Amino acid sequence: MVGGPPSHVRVRVPCKVNLFLAVRGVRGDGYHEVVTVLQTVSIYDTLVAELERSGASAHPAARRFMELAFTHDGHGAVPVDDGNLAVRAARRLMAEVGMGTSDRVGHSGLPITRLHLHKSIPVAAGMAGGSADAAASLVALNRLWEAELDQAALRELAGELGSDVPFCVSGGTALATGTGTATAQVLTRGVYHWVVGISDQPLSTPEVYQAYDRIAGPSDVEPDAVLQALRTGDAEALGAALHNDLEPAAFELRPELADGCAALLEAGALGAMVSGSGPTVVGLASSAQDASSIARTVVDRFDRVEVAMSPAGGPELSCG
């Protein structure tokens, strides 16, 4: 490549909202079969990947060993080891390109890849923040290490990491089936404006699914109304069609989330629901101005309120 490889890569990656989520039942492997419509929303995490090397011969394109260091300036609950999806994504890409690793950062004389994550997407909030970070890691390191994997190959690796990661690699709007890893892009028109009510107290996705299994059975609700609203760009129809099978389970575990949805509707939202497994609550507004007005009205109902738009595209990459 003319000019040589980049010394650092920056990826800004959006979160997602489930415009529709139906749970079809539990598979033989213990995972739940779902049908969901996903759309990226303009709340972002930013991952910066930097390569420290002593010379061109140490570049990872030579398929040598590499040290990996990860830091973040986000929530205290965000791990910095292999419990973090971004770290696991980096290690999976290393294995894919035949690169070894060392954990003795700064002591082995090997080149070092440093990852630093700035968190704005709420943690454990039903908005795929961890999955977005994993996607950012794959996209950033694919470029930094000159692995030259195409998006299809990155999505295949992403599917090994988590159900939302393949979608986060692509972004936009998609219909996902199975465990959520099989996705197809969806035609959508228009821009949608959201009020996002965020709770500082996380809600465990496994606990929400366990509650769902206890209080509900397989659903046969279809996403047709949501897909039609997206095709025509009809925000009012989309607000009426928003659906999440996991919402009753989230309400049972956190009753105040029902109050949050009601507050958004009372303030003028076209529709409101829990995003994914929660505890984030989202309200669809008719315009950016209405979203700002609704946000001001409900600001005391949540720990944090954001105004955002969708669809927000996919990971945005820049090099230096």
Protein backbone atom coordinates (compact mmCIF):
# COMPACT_ATOMS: atom_id res chain seq x y z
CA MET A 1 0.00 0.00 0.00
CA VAL A 2 1.37 3.43 -0.98
CA GLY A 3 2.55 5.35 2.07
CA GLY A 4 2.74 2.26 4.23
CA PRO A 5 0.36 0.96 6.86
CA PRO A 6 -1.42 3.36 9.24
CA SER A 7 0.00 3.92 12.72
CA HIS A 8 -3.45 4.30 14.21
CA VAL A 9 -7.06 3.67 13.22
CA ARG A 10 -10.15 5.26 14.73
CA VAL A 11 -13.60 3.65 14.44
CA ARG A 12 -16.80 5.31 15.61
CA VAL A 13 -19.59 2.74 15.94
CA PRO A 14 -23.30 3.27 16.68
CA CYS A 15 -25.59 1.31 18.99
CA LYS A 16 -28.85 -0.32 17.89
CA VAL A 17 -32.51 -0.46 18.75
CA ASN A 18 -34.81 -3.43 18.13
CA LEU A 19 -37.81 -2.00 16.28
CA PHE A 20 -39.38 -5.45 16.42
CA LEU A 21 -38.45 -8.50 18.48
CA ALA A 22 -40.34 -11.80 18.57
CA VAL A 23 -39.14 -14.87 20.44
CA ARG A 24 -40.03 -18.09 18.63
CA GLY A 25 -38.89 -20.48 21.35
CA VAL A 26 -35.83 -22.25 22.75
CA ARG A 27 -33.56 -24.18 20.40
CA GLY A 28 -31.96 -27.52 21.16
CA ASP A 29 -28.68 -25.78 21.97
CA GLY A 30 -30.38 -23.66 24.63
CA TYR A 31 -30.39 -20.42 22.64
CA HIS A 32 -33.61 -18.63 21.76
CA GLU A 33 -34.83 -18.41 18.19
CA VAL A 34 -35.80 -14.83 17.36
CA VAL A 35 -37.11 -12.64 14.58
CA THR A 36 -36.02 -9.05 14.97
CA VAL A 37 -35.70 -5.81 13.02
CA LEU A 38 -32.57 -3.90 14.01
CA GLN A 39 -31.62 -0.32 13.26
CA THR A 40 -28.53 1.65 14.25
CA VAL A 41 -29.04 4.75 16.37
CA SER A 42 -26.73 7.77 16.68
CA ILE A 43 -25.22 7.10 20.10
CA TYR A 44 -21.61 6.06 19.56
CA ASP A 45 -18.62 4.37 21.10
CA THR A 46 -15.19 5.18 19.66
CA LEU A 47 -12.32 2.71 19.48
CA VAL A 48 -8.76 3.82 18.69
CA ALA A 49 -6.24 1.17 17.69
CA GLU A 50 -2.55 2.07 17.62
CA LEU A 51 0.42 0.02 16.53
CA GLU A 52 3.79 0.48 18.20
CA ARG A 53 6.56 -1.13 16.16
CA SER A 54 10.31 -0.82 15.79
CA GLY A 55 10.38 -1.25 12.02
CA ALA A 56 8.55 -2.48 8.94
CA SER A 57 9.69 -6.05 9.57
CA ALA A 58 7.73 -6.04 12.83
CA HIS A 59 4.46 -5.19 11.12
CA PRO A 60 1.75 -7.80 11.77
CA ALA A 61 1.46 -8.36 8.02
CA ALA A 62 4.58 -10.47 8.56
CA ARG A 63 2.39 -12.75 10.72
CA ARG A 64 4.68 -12.49 13.73
CA PHE A 65 3.76 -12.37 17.39
CA MET A 66 1.94 -9.36 18.77
CA GLU A 67 1.18 -7.94 22.19
CA LEU A 68 -2.32 -6.65 22.86
CA ALA A 69 -3.21 -3.95 25.41
CA PHE A 70 -6.74 -2.68 26.08
CA THR A 71 -7.91 0.34 28.08
CA HIS A 72 -11.11 2.37 28.28
CA ASP A 73 -12.46 5.52 29.85
CA GLY A 74 -15.95 4.18 30.32
CA HIS A 75 -18.13 2.52 32.94
CA GLY A 76 -16.39 0.70 35.78
CA ALA A 77 -18.31 -2.45 34.87
CA VAL A 78 -16.57 -2.66 31.48
CA PRO A 79 -13.88 -5.38 31.71
CA VAL A 80 -10.39 -4.92 30.25
CA ASP A 81 -9.61 -8.63 29.78
CA ASP A 82 -11.13 -11.38 27.64
CA GLY A 83 -14.46 -10.67 29.32
CA ASN A 84 -14.68 -7.71 26.95
CA LEU A 85 -16.08 -8.49 23.50
CA ALA A 86 -13.70 -6.02 21.84
CA VAL A 87 -10.73 -7.92 23.27
CA ARG A 88 -12.20 -11.28 22.24
CA ALA A 89 -12.78 -9.91 18.74
CA ALA A 90 -9.14 -8.81 18.54
CA ARG A 91 -7.91 -12.21 19.63
CA ARG A 92 -10.23 -13.96 17.17
CA LEU A 93 -8.89 -11.85 14.32
CA MET A 94 -5.33 -12.59 15.42
CA ALA A 95 -6.05 -16.29 15.23
CA GLU A 96 -7.68 -15.88 11.83
CA VAL A 97 -4.62 -14.20 10.31
CA GLY A 98 -2.16 -16.54 12.04
CA MET A 99 -0.77 -14.03 14.50
CA GLY A 100 0.50 -15.15 17.90
CA THR A 101 0.05 -13.10 21.07
CA SER A 102 1.91 -12.28 24.24
CA ASP A 103 0.45 -10.94 27.47
CA ARG A 104 3.76 -9.45 28.69
CA VAL A 105 3.01 -6.01 27.30
CA GLY A 106 6.15 -3.88 26.96
CA HIS A 107 8.53 -6.58 28.17
CA SER A 108 9.00 -8.96 25.26
CA GLY A 109 10.27 -6.61 22.55
CA LEU A 110 7.31 -7.48 20.33
CA PRO A 111 5.18 -4.91 18.50
CA ILE A 112 2.21 -3.77 20.58
CA THR A 113 -1.34 -3.08 19.47
CA ARG A 114 -3.03 -0.72 21.92
CA LEU A 115 -6.81 -0.46 21.93
CA HIS A 116 -8.52 2.40 23.75
CA LEU A 117 -12.30 2.56 24.01
CA HIS A 118 -14.36 5.65 24.73
CA LYS A 119 -17.81 4.61 25.95
CA SER A 120 -20.97 6.60 25.32
CA ILE A 121 -23.32 3.68 24.61
CA PRO A 122 -24.84 2.60 27.94
CA VAL A 123 -23.55 -0.67 29.41
CA ALA A 124 -25.77 -3.79 29.57
CA ALA A 125 -28.65 -1.68 28.31
CA GLY A 126 -30.19 -3.66 25.44
CA MET A 127 -28.51 -1.45 22.81
CA ALA A 128 -25.70 -3.82 21.74
CA GLY A 129 -22.90 -1.69 23.16
CA GLY A 130 -20.58 -4.66 23.65
CA SER A 131 -21.43 -6.02 20.21
CA ALA A 132 -20.77 -2.62 18.66
CA ASP A 133 -17.36 -2.53 20.36
CA ALA A 134 -16.54 -6.00 19.02
CA ALA A 135 -17.49 -4.87 15.52
CA ALA A 136 -15.32 -1.76 15.92
CA SER A 137 -12.40 -3.95 17.00
CA LEU A 138 -12.73 -6.20 13.94
CA VAL A 139 -13.04 -3.26 11.53
CA ALA A 140 -10.19 -1.27 13.11
CA LEU A 141 -7.70 -4.12 13.38
CA ASN A 142 -8.52 -5.49 9.94
CA ARG A 143 -7.27 -2.14 8.63
CA LEU A 144 -4.44 -1.58 11.11
CA TRP A 145 -3.00 -5.05 10.57
CA GLU A 146 -3.70 -4.98 6.81
CA ALA A 147 -5.54 -8.28 7.10
CA GLU A 148 -7.62 -7.35 4.04
CA LEU A 149 -10.67 -9.41 5.03
CA ASP A 150 -13.83 -8.32 3.24
CA GLN A 151 -17.04 -7.51 5.10
CA ALA A 152 -18.46 -11.00 4.54
CA ALA A 153 -15.40 -12.55 6.21
CA LEU A 154 -15.59 -10.07 9.10
CA ARG A 155 -19.28 -10.86 9.56
CA GLU A 156 -18.50 -14.56 9.68
CA LEU A 157 -15.98 -13.98 12.46
CA ALA A 158 -18.47 -11.65 14.15
CA GLY A 159 -21.07 -14.42 14.25
CA GLU A 160 -18.75 -16.45 16.50
CA LEU A 161 -18.62 -13.62 19.02
CA GLY A 162 -22.29 -12.76 19.62
CA SER A 163 -25.71 -12.52 18.05
CA ASP A 164 -25.68 -8.76 17.36
CA VAL A 165 -22.04 -8.46 16.25
CA PRO A 166 -22.58 -9.31 12.54
CA PHE A 167 -25.27 -6.62 12.31
CA CYS A 168 -23.00 -4.10 14.00
CA VAL A 169 -20.27 -4.78 11.42
CA SER A 170 -22.68 -3.67 8.67
CA GLY A 171 -25.06 -1.28 10.45
CA GLY A 172 -28.09 0.36 8.91
CA THR A 173 -31.35 -1.57 9.12
CA ALA A 174 -31.70 -5.35 8.98
CA LEU A 175 -34.04 -8.26 9.59
CA ALA A 176 -32.34 -10.90 11.75
CA THR A 177 -33.45 -14.48 12.33
CA GLY A 178 -32.18 -17.60 14.07
CA THR A 179 -30.14 -16.54 17.08
CA GLY A 180 -29.85 -13.10 15.48
CA THR A 181 -26.67 -13.71 13.47
CA ALA A 182 -28.42 -14.31 10.12
CA THR A 183 -29.30 -10.86 8.77
CA ALA A 184 -30.71 -9.33 5.61
CA GLN A 185 -30.64 -5.62 4.88
CA VAL A 186 -34.04 -3.90 4.94
CA LEU A 187 -35.23 -1.12 2.64
CA THR A 188 -35.95 1.97 4.69
CA ARG A 189 -36.85 5.55 3.87
CA GLY A 190 -36.64 8.64 5.98
CA VAL A 191 -34.93 9.58 9.22
CA TYR A 192 -36.38 8.70 12.62
CA HIS A 193 -35.98 10.68 15.84
CA TRP A 194 -35.71 9.02 19.23
CA VAL A 195 -35.76 9.90 22.88
CA VAL A 196 -33.58 7.38 24.70
CA GLY A 197 -34.18 6.89 28.41
CA ILE A 198 -31.15 5.29 30.04
CA SER A 199 -30.85 3.58 33.43
CA ASP A 200 -27.55 3.34 35.27
CA GLN A 201 -28.59 -0.03 36.70
CA PRO A 202 -27.90 -2.78 34.12
CA LEU A 203 -30.35 -5.57 33.35
CA SER A 204 -28.99 -9.05 32.62
CA THR A 205 -30.06 -10.43 29.24
CA PRO A 206 -30.08 -14.07 30.49
CA GLU A 207 -32.30 -13.04 33.40
CA VAL A 208 -34.74 -11.34 31.05
CA TYR A 209 -34.95 -14.43 28.83
CA GLN A 210 -35.43 -16.63 31.90
CA ALA A 211 -38.29 -14.40 32.99
CA TYR A 212 -39.75 -14.54 29.48
CA ASP A 213 -39.65 -18.35 29.49
CA ARG A 214 -41.44 -18.31 32.84
CA ILE A 215 -44.27 -15.95 31.91
CA ALA A 216 -44.69 -16.41 28.14
CA GLY A 217 -44.44 -18.95 25.35
CA PRO A 218 -43.26 -18.88 21.73
CA SER A 219 -44.64 -15.90 19.80
CA ASP A 220 -46.12 -15.87 16.31
CA VAL A 221 -46.14 -12.08 15.89
CA GLU A 222 -44.74 -11.03 12.50
CA PRO A 223 -42.67 -7.92 11.63
CA ASP A 224 -44.74 -6.98 8.54
CA ALA A 225 -46.15 -3.74 9.96
CA VAL A 226 -42.70 -2.49 11.00
CA LEU A 227 -41.18 -3.41 7.62
CA GLN A 228 -44.00 -1.66 5.74
CA ALA A 229 -43.61 1.49 7.85
CA LEU A 230 -39.88 1.52 7.12
CA ARG A 231 -40.45 1.06 3.39
CA THR A 232 -42.80 4.05 3.26
CA GLY A 233 -40.95 6.23 5.78
CA ASP A 234 -44.10 6.55 7.91
CA ALA A 235 -43.00 7.47 11.43
CA GLU A 236 -46.53 7.39 12.83
CA ALA A 237 -47.10 3.87 11.49
CA LEU A 238 -43.72 2.78 12.82
CA GLY A 239 -44.54 4.11 16.26
CA ALA A 240 -47.76 2.12 16.31
CA ALA A 241 -46.00 -1.05 15.12
CA LEU A 242 -43.06 -1.10 17.57
CA HIS A 243 -43.04 -4.49 19.31
CA ASN A 244 -40.83 -6.35 21.80
CA ASP A 245 -41.78 -9.78 23.17
CA LEU A 246 -39.22 -9.33 25.96
CA GLU A 247 -40.88 -6.19 27.29
CA PRO A 248 -43.26 -7.93 29.76
CA ALA A 249 -40.30 -9.84 31.21
CA ALA A 250 -38.28 -6.64 31.56
CA PHE A 251 -41.29 -4.95 33.21
CA GLU A 252 -41.61 -7.83 35.68
CA LEU A 253 -37.95 -7.50 36.68
CA ARG A 254 -37.95 -3.68 36.64
CA PRO A 255 -41.51 -2.30 37.03
CA GLU A 256 -40.29 1.30 36.72
CA LEU A 257 -39.56 0.64 33.03
CA ALA A 258 -43.30 0.49 32.35
CA ASP A 259 -43.61 3.90 33.98
CA GLY A 260 -40.86 5.18 31.70
CA CYS A 261 -42.68 3.98 28.59
CA ALA A 262 -45.91 5.56 29.82
CA ALA A 263 -44.12 8.85 30.49
CA LEU A 264 -42.76 8.95 26.93
CA LEU A 265 -46.21 8.32 25.48
CA GLU A 266 -47.80 10.94 27.72
CA ALA A 267 -45.15 13.43 26.58
CA GLY A 268 -46.13 12.89 22.94
CA ALA A 269 -44.07 9.96 21.64
CA LEU A 270 -45.59 8.12 18.66
CA GLY A 271 -44.61 4.85 20.28
CA ALA A 272 -42.43 3.66 23.16
CA MET A 273 -40.88 0.37 24.25
CA VAL A 274 -37.98 -1.34 25.95
CA SER A 275 -35.00 -1.78 23.62
CA GLY A 276 -33.91 -5.41 23.37
CA SER A 277 -33.62 -6.92 26.83
CA GLY A 278 -33.57 -3.47 28.46
CA PRO A 279 -33.33 -1.52 30.64
CA THR A 280 -33.11 1.26 28.03
CA VAL A 281 -36.49 2.67 27.03
CA VAL A 282 -36.95 4.42 23.68
CA GLY A 283 -39.68 6.71 22.39
CA LEU A 284 -40.19 7.58 18.73
CA ALA A 285 -40.87 11.26 18.01
CA SER A 286 -42.41 12.85 14.93
CA SER A 287 -39.50 15.28 14.45
CA ALA A 288 -36.18 16.40 15.93
CA GLN A 289 -37.96 19.33 17.58
CA ASP A 290 -40.56 17.03 19.15
CA ALA A 291 -37.82 14.69 20.35
CA SER A 292 -36.10 17.56 22.15
CA SER A 293 -39.39 18.63 23.71
CA ILE A 294 -40.22 15.11 24.89
CA ALA A 295 -36.71 14.69 26.30
CA ARG A 296 -37.10 17.83 28.39
CA THR A 297 -40.43 16.58 29.72
CA VAL A 298 -39.16 13.13 30.79
CA VAL A 299 -35.62 14.02 31.86
CA ASP A 300 -36.41 13.39 35.55
CA ARG A 301 -37.76 9.91 34.82
CA PHE A 302 -34.38 8.42 33.84
CA ASP A 303 -30.75 8.54 34.93
CA ARG A 304 -29.82 9.94 31.53
CA VAL A 305 -31.78 11.02 28.47
CA GLU A 306 -30.38 11.26 24.93
CA VAL A 307 -31.92 12.50 21.70
CA ALA A 308 -30.78 10.45 18.71
CA MET A 309 -31.64 9.63 15.12
CA SER A 310 -31.75 6.50 13.01
CA PRO A 311 -30.62 4.83 10.86
CA ALA A 312 -27.07 5.78 11.79
CA GLY A 313 -25.15 3.71 9.27
CA GLY A 314 -22.32 1.41 10.27
CA PRO A 315 -18.79 1.70 11.69
CA GLU A 316 -17.01 4.87 10.55
CA LEU A 317 -13.28 4.36 10.02
CA SER A 318 -10.50 6.94 9.77
CA CYS A 319 -6.73 6.39 9.67
CA GLY A 320 -3.63 8.32 10.58
